[in-house]
């Protein structure tokens, strides 16, 4: 691989596009959940079903979209994905009926994964070269977290701007109108990001022709599946992603166990939102200066230790400092693993030209927690209300962290030297 670097603004474009593409299907409904439920006339279960449809389409798209990223230049696929996702925003802004909304989420599962996911990972890997993989993927994940937070903040400001009365007293019609402007503005920004990617995303010393294959064959898929790194990364990413999904329960833990009110519990969630970019950037910078594979092992060890503290019931209502320290330990471990698991592909001797195919195959297994983690956590919490249910959830996290740590150690032992 050539050592000639792409400019910094190329990584910034990858980061910006990497979160922009998910704003419409995910971030807006996370920030404006009560408004979305009211405006579309949905229950929580119905909105959850939309996400499930997205997940099913996404799972299929990982497999077929991966090889596509090895056949066409990343910048073109990323740009087209952004434009097609924004097009869905125009439908979203009409507040369609429930059937159309489910179709729209399936459509977004196609545009954000089939056309986007593997090209984004490949473009990031190309930018990092052979010496800056930690920096590239650490900045990618940390930067995406920051972009998501900024988009959310911008959306709230726009929403408030178009509400003439007090928000608490605004009618449903007023809130729908204000939210429509949030959707349309977001869609417009996503289109602009796509234009910037199409014209300005550079691949450094690697020409686009060097990064693509003329033809994708079954033999190339078999070649990828013969690589031990691919199988180890399937386990590593699956276990790390379970950890990422479980961070969603911290605000609920604050309410159920620490007895915080809803505002204080929401602040815990916000605290996590801003930890992610800091951890991603710091870990990315540190990992390139030492053994990047060892940092992945340490991230699972930290996650396991933090999960163990919660699982054993040590973190109790009166121990506020320990609560936040334990959250910080888990967050550092989870966000560090998330920043590094694709960064170690270079060490795993996965050919750069087959990156898309490898990412697609790895993601099929790695992101299955999108399907099972939520129901599993919900079952554990509902079966044992209160502190006991949360302890069971963190035992689940401890188990997956242990398995992920073993797989990461195997990866480190096999690929710690270049």
Protein backbone atom coordinates (compact mmCIF):
# COMPACT_ATOMS: atom_id res chain seq x y z
CA UNK A 1 0.00 0.00 0.00
CA UNK A 2 1.33 3.43 -0.85
CA UNK A 3 2.30 5.74 2.00
CA UNK A 4 1.19 8.93 0.24
CA UNK A 5 -1.51 10.38 2.47
CA UNK A 6 -4.88 11.72 1.49
CA UNK A 7 -5.55 15.22 2.87
CA UNK A 8 -7.11 15.70 6.30
CA UNK A 9 -10.28 17.14 4.79
CA UNK A 10 -10.93 13.74 3.17
CA UNK A 11 -11.19 12.13 6.60
CA UNK A 12 -13.43 14.99 7.72
CA UNK A 13 -15.72 14.28 4.75
CA UNK A 14 -15.83 10.57 5.63
CA UNK A 15 -16.68 11.46 9.25
CA UNK A 16 -19.35 13.95 8.21
CA UNK A 17 -20.95 11.56 5.75
CA UNK A 18 -20.58 8.65 8.20
CA UNK A 19 -23.06 10.20 10.59
CA UNK A 20 -25.11 12.35 8.20
CA UNK A 21 -26.46 9.27 6.44
CA UNK A 22 -27.99 8.00 9.71
CA UNK A 23 -29.53 11.28 10.89
CA UNK A 24 -32.90 10.81 9.16
CA UNK A 25 -33.57 7.17 10.11
CA UNK A 26 -32.10 7.25 13.64
CA UNK A 27 -30.89 10.49 15.20
CA UNK A 28 -34.07 12.51 14.62
CA UNK A 29 -36.28 9.80 16.13
CA UNK A 30 -33.89 9.53 19.10
CA UNK A 31 -33.86 13.28 19.78
CA UNK A 32 -37.53 13.92 18.93
CA UNK A 33 -39.04 10.58 19.96
CA UNK A 34 -42.23 12.01 21.60
CA UNK A 35 -42.80 14.29 18.58
CA UNK A 36 -42.24 11.42 16.12
CA UNK A 37 -44.73 9.21 17.97
CA UNK A 38 -47.37 11.95 18.04
CA UNK A 39 -46.79 13.32 14.54
CA UNK A 40 -46.95 9.90 12.87
CA UNK A 41 -49.57 8.49 15.27
CA UNK A 42 -47.30 5.63 16.35
CA UNK A 43 -46.88 3.53 19.45
CA UNK A 44 -43.42 2.58 20.71
CA UNK A 45 -43.96 -0.95 19.40
CA UNK A 46 -44.87 0.32 15.92
CA UNK A 47 -41.78 2.54 15.77
CA UNK A 48 -39.72 -0.41 16.99
CA UNK A 49 -41.12 -2.51 14.14
CA UNK A 50 -39.88 0.13 11.67
CA UNK A 51 -36.39 -0.26 13.11
CA UNK A 52 -36.72 -4.06 12.87
CA UNK A 53 -37.57 -3.80 9.16
CA UNK A 54 -34.53 -1.56 8.74
CA UNK A 55 -32.40 -4.17 10.54
CA UNK A 56 -33.55 -7.06 8.38
CA UNK A 57 -32.86 -5.16 5.14
CA UNK A 58 -29.52 -4.01 6.56
CA UNK A 59 -28.47 -7.57 7.39
CA UNK A 60 -29.06 -8.67 3.79
CA UNK A 61 -27.39 -5.50 2.51
CA UNK A 62 -24.16 -6.18 4.42
CA UNK A 63 -23.60 -9.33 2.38
CA UNK A 64 -24.41 -7.93 -1.07
CA UNK A 65 -23.12 -4.40 -0.44
CA UNK A 66 -19.65 -5.51 0.64
CA UNK A 67 -18.48 -6.81 -2.76
CA UNK A 68 -20.05 -3.75 -4.42
CA UNK A 69 -17.56 -1.58 -2.51
CA UNK A 70 -14.72 -3.48 -4.19
CA UNK A 71 -16.15 -2.89 -7.67
CA UNK A 72 -16.87 0.87 -7.55
CA UNK A 73 -14.96 3.85 -6.09
CA UNK A 74 -15.94 4.63 -2.47
CA UNK A 75 -16.60 8.33 -3.13
CA UNK A 76 -19.25 7.56 -5.75
CA UNK A 77 -21.07 4.98 -3.66
CA UNK A 78 -21.00 7.20 -0.56
CA UNK A 79 -22.31 10.22 -2.48
CA UNK A 80 -25.13 8.26 -4.13
CA UNK A 81 -26.08 6.74 -0.76
CA UNK A 82 -26.34 10.20 0.80
CA UNK A 83 -28.49 11.54 -2.03
CA UNK A 84 -30.84 8.54 -1.99
CA UNK A 85 -31.15 8.73 1.81
CA UNK A 86 -32.00 12.43 1.55
CA UNK A 87 -34.63 11.60 -1.06
CA UNK A 88 -36.30 9.43 1.55
CA UNK A 89 -36.36 12.49 3.80
CA UNK A 90 -38.74 14.20 1.37
CA UNK A 91 -41.18 11.31 1.84
CA UNK A 92 -40.63 11.41 5.62
CA UNK A 93 -41.53 15.13 5.67
CA UNK A 94 -45.02 14.35 4.28
CA UNK A 95 -45.82 12.31 7.45
CA UNK A 96 -46.86 9.21 5.48
CA UNK A 97 -49.12 6.46 6.80
CA UNK A 98 -47.71 3.57 8.79
CA UNK A 99 -47.39 1.17 5.84
CA UNK A 100 -45.44 3.73 3.83
CA UNK A 101 -43.27 4.48 6.86
CA UNK A 102 -42.30 0.81 7.16
CA UNK A 103 -41.41 0.74 3.47
CA UNK A 104 -39.36 3.92 3.97
CA UNK A 105 -37.35 2.34 6.78
CA UNK A 106 -36.68 -0.69 4.59
CA UNK A 107 -35.54 1.70 1.86
CA UNK A 108 -33.19 3.43 4.31
CA UNK A 109 -31.80 0.04 5.32
CA UNK A 110 -30.81 -0.36 1.67
CA UNK A 111 -29.37 3.13 1.09
CA UNK A 112 -27.40 3.38 4.35
CA UNK A 113 -25.93 -0.14 4.32
CA UNK A 114 -25.93 -1.64 0.81
CA UNK A 115 -24.57 1.55 -0.78
CA UNK A 116 -22.74 3.11 2.14
CA UNK A 117 -21.36 1.01 5.00
CA UNK A 118 -18.53 -0.97 3.34
CA UNK A 119 -17.42 2.00 1.15
CA UNK A 120 -17.13 4.16 4.29
CA UNK A 121 -14.95 1.57 6.04
CA UNK A 122 -12.84 1.07 2.92
CA UNK A 123 -12.32 4.81 2.41
CA UNK A 124 -11.26 5.14 6.05
CA UNK A 125 -8.81 2.25 5.75
CA UNK A 126 -7.31 3.74 2.59
CA UNK A 127 -6.91 7.12 4.32
CA UNK A 128 -5.09 5.51 7.26
CA UNK A 129 -2.52 3.76 5.09
CA UNK A 130 -0.24 1.25 6.83
CA UNK A 131 0.75 3.51 9.74
CA UNK A 132 -2.37 5.43 10.87
CA UNK A 133 -5.20 2.90 11.09
CA UNK A 134 -5.84 3.68 14.76
CA UNK A 135 -5.98 7.39 14.08
CA UNK A 136 -8.25 6.93 11.06
CA UNK A 137 -10.85 4.73 12.75
CA UNK A 138 -10.57 6.45 16.13
CA UNK A 139 -11.28 9.81 14.53
CA UNK A 140 -14.06 8.23 12.44
CA UNK A 141 -15.99 6.87 15.42
CA UNK A 142 -15.27 9.83 17.70
CA UNK A 143 -16.07 12.31 14.97
CA UNK A 144 -19.32 10.55 14.09
CA UNK A 145 -20.39 10.82 17.72
CA UNK A 146 -19.68 14.55 17.72
CA UNK A 147 -21.46 15.12 14.40
CA UNK A 148 -24.53 13.27 15.71
CA UNK A 149 -24.58 15.43 18.85
CA UNK A 150 -24.28 18.61 16.77
CA UNK A 151 -27.03 17.53 14.37
CA UNK A 152 -29.26 16.81 17.33
CA UNK A 153 -28.56 20.23 18.85
CA UNK A 154 -29.19 21.96 15.51
CA UNK A 155 -32.48 20.09 15.11
CA UNK A 156 -33.69 21.20 18.54
CA UNK A 157 -32.84 24.84 17.74
CA UNK A 158 -34.66 24.71 14.40
CA UNK A 159 -37.64 23.01 16.00
CA UNK A 160 -37.86 25.70 18.69
CA UNK A 161 -37.48 28.47 16.08
CA UNK A 162 -40.64 27.39 14.23
CA UNK A 163 -42.79 27.00 17.33
CA UNK A 164 -44.53 30.31 17.94
CA UNK A 165 -45.92 29.49 21.40
CA UNK A 166 -44.39 27.74 24.40
CA UNK A 167 -43.23 24.27 23.31
CA UNK A 168 -45.16 22.60 26.14
CA UNK A 169 -48.35 24.31 24.93
CA UNK A 170 -47.81 23.84 21.17
CA UNK A 171 -50.52 22.01 19.27
CA UNK A 172 -49.85 18.84 17.30
CA UNK A 173 -50.20 20.78 14.03
CA UNK A 174 -47.56 23.31 15.17
CA UNK A 175 -45.16 20.56 16.22
CA UNK A 176 -45.64 18.70 12.94
CA UNK A 177 -44.94 21.86 10.97
CA UNK A 178 -41.81 22.61 12.99
CA UNK A 179 -40.59 19.02 12.69
CA UNK A 180 -41.17 19.13 8.94
CA UNK A 181 -38.66 21.98 8.69
CA UNK A 182 -36.16 19.96 10.74
CA UNK A 183 -36.54 17.03 8.32
CA UNK A 184 -36.25 19.20 5.20
CA UNK A 185 -33.22 21.11 6.49
CA UNK A 186 -31.53 17.87 7.48
CA UNK A 187 -32.25 16.37 4.05
CA UNK A 188 -30.76 19.46 2.38
CA UNK A 189 -27.57 19.19 4.44
CA UNK A 190 -27.25 15.49 3.58
CA UNK A 191 -27.49 16.38 -0.15
CA UNK A 192 -24.74 19.01 0.26
CA UNK A 193 -22.50 16.53 2.08
CA UNK A 194 -23.01 14.13 -0.84
CA UNK A 195 -21.92 16.81 -3.31
CA UNK A 196 -18.81 17.55 -1.23
CA UNK A 197 -17.92 13.84 -1.13
CA UNK A 198 -18.41 13.38 -4.88
CA UNK A 199 -16.11 16.27 -5.81
CA UNK A 200 -13.56 16.43 -2.98
CA UNK A 201 -13.07 13.00 -1.36
CA UNK A 202 -9.52 11.94 -2.22
CA UNK A 203 -7.89 8.53 -1.78
CA UNK A 204 -4.34 9.75 -1.35
CA UNK A 205 -1.67 8.01 -3.41
CA UNK A 206 -4.05 5.19 -4.36
CA UNK A 207 -5.88 5.84 -7.58
CA UNK A 208 -9.48 4.72 -7.82
CA UNK A 209 -8.48 2.05 -10.34
CA UNK A 210 -6.10 0.48 -7.78
CA UNK A 211 -8.92 0.15 -5.23
CA UNK A 212 -11.50 -1.64 -7.36
CA UNK A 213 -11.89 -5.01 -9.04
CA UNK A 214 -13.14 -5.41 -12.58
CA UNK A 215 -15.27 -8.37 -11.57
CA UNK A 216 -16.48 -9.78 -8.27
CA UNK A 217 -16.47 -13.58 -8.22
CA UNK A 218 -17.37 -16.33 -5.78
CA UNK A 219 -13.67 -17.20 -5.58
CA UNK A 220 -12.90 -13.81 -4.06
CA UNK A 221 -15.56 -14.35 -1.39
CA UNK A 222 -14.01 -17.76 -0.68
CA UNK A 223 -10.57 -16.13 -0.45
CA UNK A 224 -11.86 -13.70 2.17
CA UNK A 225 -13.52 -16.49 4.17
CA UNK A 226 -10.21 -18.37 4.30
CA UNK A 227 -8.61 -15.52 6.27
CA UNK A 228 -8.47 -16.22 10.04
CA UNK A 229 -8.69 -12.47 10.71
CA UNK A 230 -12.17 -12.35 9.18
CA UNK A 231 -13.55 -15.04 11.50
CA UNK A 232 -11.91 -13.53 14.58
CA UNK A 233 -13.29 -10.08 13.70
CA UNK A 234 -16.80 -11.51 13.39
CA UNK A 235 -16.60 -12.57 17.06
CA UNK A 236 -14.79 -9.41 18.19
CA UNK A 237 -17.28 -7.02 16.57
CA UNK A 238 -20.32 -9.01 17.70
CA UNK A 239 -19.13 -8.89 21.33
CA UNK A 240 -18.10 -5.23 21.15
CA UNK A 241 -21.41 -4.25 19.57
CA UNK A 242 -23.35 -5.94 22.36
CA UNK A 243 -21.45 -3.62 24.70
CA UNK A 244 -22.40 -0.61 22.61
CA UNK A 245 -26.09 -1.59 22.66
CA UNK A 246 -26.02 -2.09 26.44
CA UNK A 247 -24.83 1.48 27.03
CA UNK A 248 -28.44 2.42 26.24
CA UNK A 249 -29.51 1.20 29.70
CA UNK A 250 -27.32 3.55 31.75
CA UNK A 251 -29.95 6.29 31.92
CA UNK A 252 -32.54 3.68 32.95
CA UNK A 253 -30.12 2.35 35.60
CA UNK A 254 -29.82 5.90 36.92
CA UNK A 255 -33.59 6.06 37.31
CA UNK A 256 -34.29 2.51 38.56
CA UNK A 257 -31.30 1.95 40.84
CA UNK A 258 -29.77 5.35 41.63
CA UNK A 259 -33.25 6.94 42.02
CA UNK A 260 -32.50 9.89 39.72
CA UNK A 261 -35.40 11.85 38.25
CA UNK A 262 -36.00 11.94 34.48
CA UNK A 263 -33.96 15.09 33.93
CA UNK A 264 -30.97 13.74 35.87
CA UNK A 265 -31.25 10.40 34.07
CA UNK A 266 -31.26 12.19 30.69
CA UNK A 267 -28.05 13.97 31.73
CA UNK A 268 -26.41 10.58 32.20
CA UNK A 269 -27.28 9.76 28.57
CA UNK A 270 -25.90 13.13 27.45
CA UNK A 271 -22.71 12.45 29.43
CA UNK A 272 -22.19 9.30 27.34
CA UNK A 273 -22.91 11.20 24.11
CA UNK A 274 -19.91 13.45 24.65
CA UNK A 275 -17.57 10.77 26.04
CA UNK A 276 -17.61 8.89 22.72
CA UNK A 277 -15.74 11.47 20.59
CA UNK A 278 -13.12 12.06 23.28
CA UNK A 279 -12.38 8.33 23.70
CA UNK A 280 -12.35 7.66 19.96
CA UNK A 281 -9.82 10.38 19.23
CA UNK A 282 -7.53 9.62 22.20
CA UNK A 283 -7.47 5.86 21.62
CA UNK A 284 -6.90 6.36 17.90
CA UNK A 285 -3.85 8.53 18.55
CA UNK A 286 -2.41 6.20 21.20
CA UNK A 287 -3.00 2.96 19.31
CA UNK A 288 -0.80 3.93 16.36
CA UNK A 289 2.13 4.54 18.72
CA UNK A 290 2.09 1.02 20.14
CA UNK A 291 0.47 -2.38 19.58
CA UNK A 292 -2.97 -1.59 18.17
CA UNK A 293 -4.11 -5.19 18.66
CA UNK A 294 -3.14 -5.05 22.35
CA UNK A 295 -5.27 -1.92 22.81
CA UNK A 296 -8.23 -3.94 21.53
CA UNK A 297 -7.58 -6.59 24.19
CA UNK A 298 -7.35 -3.90 26.90
CA UNK A 299 -10.64 -2.37 25.78
CA UNK A 300 -12.45 -5.67 26.39
CA UNK A 301 -10.69 -6.06 29.75
CA UNK A 302 -11.94 -2.62 30.83
CA UNK A 303 -15.47 -3.40 29.65
CA UNK A 304 -15.45 -6.67 31.60
CA UNK A 305 -14.23 -4.98 34.79
CA UNK A 306 -16.85 -2.22 34.57
CA UNK A 307 -19.61 -4.73 33.79
CA UNK A 308 -18.51 -6.84 36.76
CA UNK A 309 -18.89 -3.85 39.11
CA UNK A 310 -22.48 -3.31 37.96
CA UNK A 311 -23.33 -7.03 37.79
CA UNK A 312 -22.28 -7.75 41.38
CA UNK A 313 -24.48 -4.95 42.73
CA UNK A 314 -21.55 -2.95 44.11
CA UNK A 315 -22.85 0.21 42.41
CA UNK A 316 -25.66 1.17 44.79
CA UNK A 317 -27.91 4.19 45.27
CA UNK A 318 -25.69 5.95 47.81
CA UNK A 319 -22.46 5.59 45.79
CA UNK A 320 -22.78 8.35 43.22
CA UNK A 321 -19.04 8.71 42.59
CA UNK A 322 -18.64 4.96 42.04
CA UNK A 323 -21.62 5.05 39.66
CA UNK A 324 -19.99 7.61 37.38
CA UNK A 325 -16.55 5.99 37.66
CA UNK A 326 -18.06 2.65 36.67
CA UNK A 327 -19.91 4.24 33.75
CA UNK A 328 -16.64 5.81 32.64
CA UNK A 329 -14.81 2.47 32.80
CA UNK A 330 -17.45 0.71 30.69
CA UNK A 331 -17.69 3.64 28.26
CA UNK A 332 -13.93 3.78 27.73
CA UNK A 333 -13.83 0.04 27.06
CA UNK A 334 -16.87 -0.02 24.76
CA UNK A 335 -15.98 3.10 22.74
CA UNK A 336 -12.31 2.09 22.46
CA UNK A 337 -13.28 -1.34 21.08
CA UNK A 338 -15.72 0.30 18.67
CA UNK A 339 -12.98 2.64 17.44
CA UNK A 340 -10.42 -0.12 16.91
CA UNK A 341 -12.17 -3.22 15.63
CA UNK A 342 -11.95 -2.23 11.96
CA UNK A 343 -8.60 -0.51 12.51
CA UNK A 344 -6.90 -3.90 13.03
CA UNK A 345 -7.85 -5.14 9.54
CA UNK A 346 -4.50 -3.92 8.24
CA UNK A 347 -2.66 -6.09 10.77
CA UNK A 348 -4.91 -9.02 9.86
CA UNK A 349 -3.47 -9.07 6.32
CA UNK A 350 -6.83 -8.50 4.65
CA UNK A 351 -6.06 -7.23 1.11
CA UNK A 352 -7.07 -3.60 0.63
CA UNK A 353 -8.80 -4.37 -2.67
CA UNK A 354 -11.06 -6.90 -0.88
CA UNK A 355 -11.87 -4.64 2.06
CA UNK A 356 -15.50 -4.17 1.04
CA UNK A 357 -16.15 -7.90 0.68
CA UNK A 358 -14.47 -8.57 4.04
CA UNK A 359 -16.45 -5.81 5.80
CA UNK A 360 -19.71 -7.13 4.36
CA UNK A 361 -19.05 -10.69 5.54
CA UNK A 362 -17.79 -9.60 8.96
CA UNK A 363 -20.77 -7.28 9.47
CA UNK A 364 -23.34 -10.02 8.80
CA UNK A 365 -22.27 -11.70 12.06
CA UNK A 366 -20.85 -8.66 13.85
CA UNK A 367 -24.01 -6.56 13.80
CA UNK A 368 -26.54 -9.28 14.67
CA UNK A 369 -26.92 -7.63 18.13
CA UNK A 370 -29.20 -5.18 16.28
CA UNK A 371 -31.64 -8.10 16.16
CA UNK A 372 -31.17 -9.89 19.50
CA UNK A 373 -29.59 -7.46 22.01
CA UNK A 374 -32.65 -5.22 22.47
CA UNK A 375 -35.15 -8.05 23.06
CA UNK A 376 -32.67 -9.84 25.35
CA UNK A 377 -32.13 -6.74 27.50
CA UNK A 378 -35.87 -6.06 27.58
CA UNK A 379 -36.59 -9.63 28.69
CA UNK A 380 -34.00 -9.53 31.49
CA UNK A 381 -35.24 -6.15 32.75
CA UNK A 382 -38.93 -7.11 32.61
CA UNK A 383 -38.46 -10.50 34.26
CA UNK A 384 -36.58 -9.02 37.22
CA UNK A 385 -37.70 -5.40 37.74
CA UNK A 386 -35.35 -3.01 39.52
CA UNK A 387 -31.72 -3.60 40.44
CA UNK A 388 -31.84 -7.38 39.84
CA UNK A 389 -32.79 -6.98 36.18
CA UNK A 390 -29.96 -4.53 35.60
CA UNK A 391 -27.50 -6.90 37.25
CA UNK A 392 -28.58 -9.63 34.82
CA UNK A 393 -28.03 -7.27 31.87
CA UNK A 394 -24.50 -6.50 33.07
CA UNK A 395 -23.76 -10.19 33.58
CA UNK A 396 -24.69 -10.50 29.91
CA UNK A 397 -22.22 -7.72 29.09
CA UNK A 398 -19.51 -9.38 31.21
CA UNK A 399 -20.02 -12.67 29.34
CA UNK A 400 -19.73 -11.08 25.88
CA UNK A 401 -16.75 -8.98 27.01
CA UNK A 402 -14.96 -12.13 28.15
CA UNK A 403 -15.61 -13.91 24.83
CA UNK A 404 -14.59 -10.78 22.89
CA UNK A 405 -11.45 -10.44 24.98
CA UNK A 406 -10.43 -14.04 24.26
CA UNK A 407 -10.96 -13.50 20.52
CA UNK A 408 -9.05 -10.19 20.66
CA UNK A 409 -6.16 -11.91 22.50
CA UNK A 410 -6.08 -14.58 19.79
CA UNK A 411 -5.98 -11.84 17.16
CA UNK A 412 -3.17 -10.09 19.05
CA UNK A 413 -1.12 -13.27 19.34
CA UNK A 414 -1.50 -13.99 15.64
CA UNK A 415 -1.05 -10.51 14.19
CA UNK A 416 0.85 -8.42 16.76
CA UNK A 417 3.84 -8.07 14.43
CA UNK A 418 3.51 -6.58 10.99
